[in-house]
Amino acid sequence: MNSSELLSMFLQICEGVKAFHEAKPEPLAHRDLKTGNILISDDRSPIIMDLGLYKVVCKMYTNDQIYVF
């Protein structure tokens, strides 16, 4: 896998994480994202797995702090 393919895969993972964070009605946080939780499909697309630890993120804006419950 060359550097261009790696960068493309990284950007796809970032888009997946962004989709979790922008989920409606409540945003989600994976909370255990690591290489062992990224599977590669036959067409070399990354798949984010092991969502067992995800949590709903409740954003409370106090002094620019974000709290996760």
N, C-alpha and C. Protein backbone atom coordinates (compact mmCIF):
# COMPACT_ATOMS: atom_id res chain seq x y z
N MET A 1 0.86 -1.16 0.00
CA MET A 1 0.00 0.00 0.00
C MET A 1 0.91 1.24 0.00
N ASN A 2 0.68 2.11 -0.95
CA ASN A 2 1.54 3.30 -1.04
C ASN A 2 0.99 4.43 -0.16
N SER A 3 1.73 5.51 -0.06
CA SER A 3 1.36 6.61 0.84
C SER A 3 0.05 7.28 0.42
N SER A 4 -0.22 7.34 -0.87
CA SER A 4 -1.47 7.93 -1.35
C SER A 4 -2.67 7.10 -0.90
N GLU A 5 -2.54 5.78 -0.97
CA GLU A 5 -3.62 4.89 -0.53
C GLU A 5 -3.82 4.98 0.98
N LEU A 6 -2.73 5.08 1.72
CA LEU A 6 -2.82 5.22 3.18
C LEU A 6 -3.52 6.53 3.57
N LEU A 7 -3.16 7.59 2.90
CA LEU A 7 -3.79 8.88 3.18
C LEU A 7 -5.28 8.84 2.87
N SER A 8 -5.64 8.22 1.76
CA SER A 8 -7.04 8.09 1.39
C SER A 8 -7.81 7.29 2.46
N MET A 9 -7.21 6.22 2.95
CA MET A 9 -7.85 5.40 3.97
C MET A 9 -8.00 6.21 5.27
N PHE A 10 -6.97 6.95 5.64
CA PHE A 10 -7.03 7.79 6.84
C PHE A 10 -8.16 8.81 6.73
N LEU A 11 -8.28 9.44 5.57
CA LEU A 11 -9.34 10.44 5.38
C LEU A 11 -10.73 9.81 5.46
N GLN A 12 -10.87 8.57 4.98
CA GLN A 12 -12.15 7.87 5.08
C GLN A 12 -12.49 7.57 6.54
N ILE A 13 -11.49 7.20 7.33
CA ILE A 13 -11.70 6.96 8.76
C ILE A 13 -12.13 8.26 9.43
N CYS A 14 -11.46 9.36 9.08
CA CYS A 14 -11.83 10.67 9.64
C CYS A 14 -13.27 11.02 9.31
N GLU A 15 -13.69 10.75 8.09
CA GLU A 15 -15.08 11.02 7.70
C GLU A 15 -16.05 10.17 8.52
N GLY A 16 -15.68 8.92 8.79
CA GLY A 16 -16.52 8.06 9.62
C GLY A 16 -16.65 8.59 11.04
N VAL A 17 -15.54 9.02 11.62
CA VAL A 17 -15.56 9.60 12.97
C VAL A 17 -16.39 10.88 12.97
N LYS A 18 -16.23 11.68 11.95
CA LYS A 18 -17.02 12.92 11.84
C LYS A 18 -18.51 12.60 11.79
N ALA A 19 -18.88 11.55 11.06
CA ALA A 19 -20.29 11.15 10.98
C ALA A 19 -20.82 10.75 12.35
N PHE A 20 -20.01 10.04 13.16
CA PHE A 20 -20.42 9.71 14.53
C PHE A 20 -20.67 10.99 15.32
N HIS A 21 -19.74 11.92 15.24
CA HIS A 21 -19.80 13.14 16.03
C HIS A 21 -20.96 14.05 15.61
N GLU A 22 -21.40 13.93 14.38
CA GLU A 22 -22.50 14.76 13.87
C GLU A 22 -23.83 14.02 13.81
N ALA A 23 -23.89 12.81 14.39
CA ALA A 23 -25.10 11.99 14.34
C ALA A 23 -26.27 12.72 14.99
N LYS A 24 -27.44 12.50 14.47
CA LYS A 24 -28.67 13.09 14.99
C LYS A 24 -29.58 11.98 15.48
N PRO A 25 -30.34 12.10 16.52
CA PRO A 25 -30.54 13.32 17.26
C PRO A 25 -29.42 13.59 18.28
N GLU A 26 -28.61 12.62 18.61
CA GLU A 26 -27.52 12.81 19.57
C GLU A 26 -26.20 12.40 18.94
N PRO A 27 -25.16 13.19 19.10
CA PRO A 27 -23.84 12.80 18.59
C PRO A 27 -23.30 11.60 19.36
N LEU A 28 -22.42 10.85 18.73
CA LEU A 28 -21.84 9.66 19.33
C LEU A 28 -20.33 9.81 19.44
N ALA A 29 -19.74 9.11 20.39
CA ALA A 29 -18.28 9.06 20.52
C ALA A 29 -17.88 7.59 20.59
N HIS A 30 -16.93 7.16 19.81
CA HIS A 30 -16.51 5.77 19.77
C HIS A 30 -15.83 5.37 21.07
N ARG A 31 -14.90 6.14 21.55
CA ARG A 31 -14.19 5.98 22.82
C ARG A 31 -13.18 4.85 22.86
N ASP A 32 -12.97 4.12 21.78
CA ASP A 32 -11.94 3.08 21.75
C ASP A 32 -11.40 2.91 20.34
N LEU A 33 -11.22 4.03 19.64
CA LEU A 33 -10.75 3.97 18.27
C LEU A 33 -9.25 3.67 18.26
N LYS A 34 -8.89 2.58 17.65
CA LYS A 34 -7.50 2.15 17.52
C LYS A 34 -7.38 1.27 16.29
N THR A 35 -6.16 0.97 15.90
CA THR A 35 -5.96 0.20 14.67
C THR A 35 -6.66 -1.15 14.73
N GLY A 36 -6.74 -1.76 15.89
CA GLY A 36 -7.41 -3.06 16.03
C GLY A 36 -8.90 -3.00 15.80
N ASN A 37 -9.48 -1.81 15.84
CA ASN A 37 -10.91 -1.64 15.62
C ASN A 37 -11.24 -1.10 14.23
N ILE A 38 -10.26 -1.12 13.35
CA ILE A 38 -10.49 -0.74 11.95
C ILE A 38 -10.26 -1.97 11.09
N LEU A 39 -11.31 -2.43 10.44
CA LEU A 39 -11.18 -3.54 9.51
C LEU A 39 -11.07 -2.99 8.10
N ILE A 40 -10.45 -3.76 7.23
CA ILE A 40 -10.29 -3.36 5.83
C ILE A 40 -11.13 -4.31 4.98
N SER A 41 -12.05 -3.74 4.20
CA SER A 41 -12.91 -4.56 3.34
C SER A 41 -12.12 -5.05 2.12
N ASP A 42 -12.74 -5.92 1.34
CA ASP A 42 -12.10 -6.45 0.14
C ASP A 42 -11.71 -5.35 -0.85
N ASP A 43 -12.48 -4.27 -0.88
CA ASP A 43 -12.16 -3.16 -1.79
C ASP A 43 -11.27 -2.10 -1.12
N ARG A 44 -10.68 -2.47 0.01
CA ARG A 44 -9.73 -1.64 0.77
C ARG A 44 -10.37 -0.41 1.41
N SER A 45 -11.64 -0.51 1.73
CA SER A 45 -12.32 0.56 2.46
C SER A 45 -12.23 0.24 3.95
N PRO A 46 -11.93 1.24 4.79
CA PRO A 46 -11.88 1.01 6.23
C PRO A 46 -13.29 0.92 6.81
N ILE A 47 -13.45 0.04 7.78
CA ILE A 47 -14.72 -0.14 8.48
C ILE A 47 -14.44 0.02 9.96
N ILE A 48 -15.08 0.98 10.59
CA ILE A 48 -14.90 1.21 12.02
C ILE A 48 -15.76 0.21 12.78
N MET A 49 -15.12 -0.59 13.63
CA MET A 49 -15.81 -1.67 14.35
C MET A 49 -15.76 -1.44 15.85
N ASP A 50 -16.33 -2.38 16.58
CA ASP A 50 -16.33 -2.42 18.04
C ASP A 50 -16.96 -1.17 18.63
N LEU A 51 -18.23 -1.02 18.35
CA LEU A 51 -18.95 0.15 18.85
C LEU A 51 -19.53 -0.09 20.25
N GLY A 52 -19.09 -1.15 20.89
CA GLY A 52 -19.61 -1.49 22.21
C GLY A 52 -19.35 -0.43 23.26
N LEU A 53 -18.32 0.37 23.09
CA LEU A 53 -17.99 1.38 24.09
C LEU A 53 -18.46 2.77 23.71
N TYR A 54 -19.20 2.89 22.60
CA TYR A 54 -19.60 4.24 22.20
C TYR A 54 -20.53 4.84 23.25
N LYS A 55 -20.51 6.13 23.34
CA LYS A 55 -21.38 6.84 24.28
C LYS A 55 -22.03 8.01 23.57
N VAL A 56 -23.18 8.34 24.05
CA VAL A 56 -23.83 9.56 23.56
C VAL A 56 -23.09 10.73 24.18
N VAL A 57 -22.76 11.69 23.35
CA VAL A 57 -22.03 12.86 23.81
C VAL A 57 -23.03 13.97 24.07
N CYS A 58 -23.05 14.46 25.28
CA CYS A 58 -23.89 15.60 25.62
C CYS A 58 -22.97 16.79 25.75
N LYS A 59 -23.14 17.76 24.88
CA LYS A 59 -22.28 18.93 24.89
C LYS A 59 -22.89 20.00 25.78
N MET A 60 -22.15 20.39 26.78
CA MET A 60 -22.55 21.48 27.65
C MET A 60 -21.46 22.53 27.52
N TYR A 61 -21.81 23.69 27.03
CA TYR A 61 -20.84 24.74 26.79
C TYR A 61 -20.75 25.66 28.00
N THR A 62 -19.77 25.38 28.81
CA THR A 62 -19.49 26.22 29.97
C THR A 62 -18.00 26.51 29.94
N ASN A 63 -17.66 27.76 29.73
CA ASN A 63 -16.26 28.15 29.63
C ASN A 63 -15.55 27.35 28.54
N ASP A 64 -16.25 27.10 27.43
CA ASP A 64 -15.72 26.35 26.28
C ASP A 64 -15.32 24.92 26.63
N GLN A 65 -15.90 24.36 27.66
CA GLN A 65 -15.63 22.97 28.03
C GLN A 65 -16.67 22.07 27.37
N ILE A 66 -16.29 20.88 27.00
CA ILE A 66 -17.23 19.88 26.49
C ILE A 66 -17.20 18.71 27.46
N TYR A 67 -18.36 18.37 28.00
CA TYR A 67 -18.47 17.27 28.95
C TYR A 67 -19.08 16.06 28.25
N VAL A 68 -18.55 14.88 28.53
CA VAL A 68 -19.05 13.64 27.94
C VAL A 68 -19.69 12.82 29.05
N PHE A 69 -20.95 12.41 28.84
CA PHE A 69 -21.66 11.61 29.82
C PHE A 69 -21.85 10.21 29.30
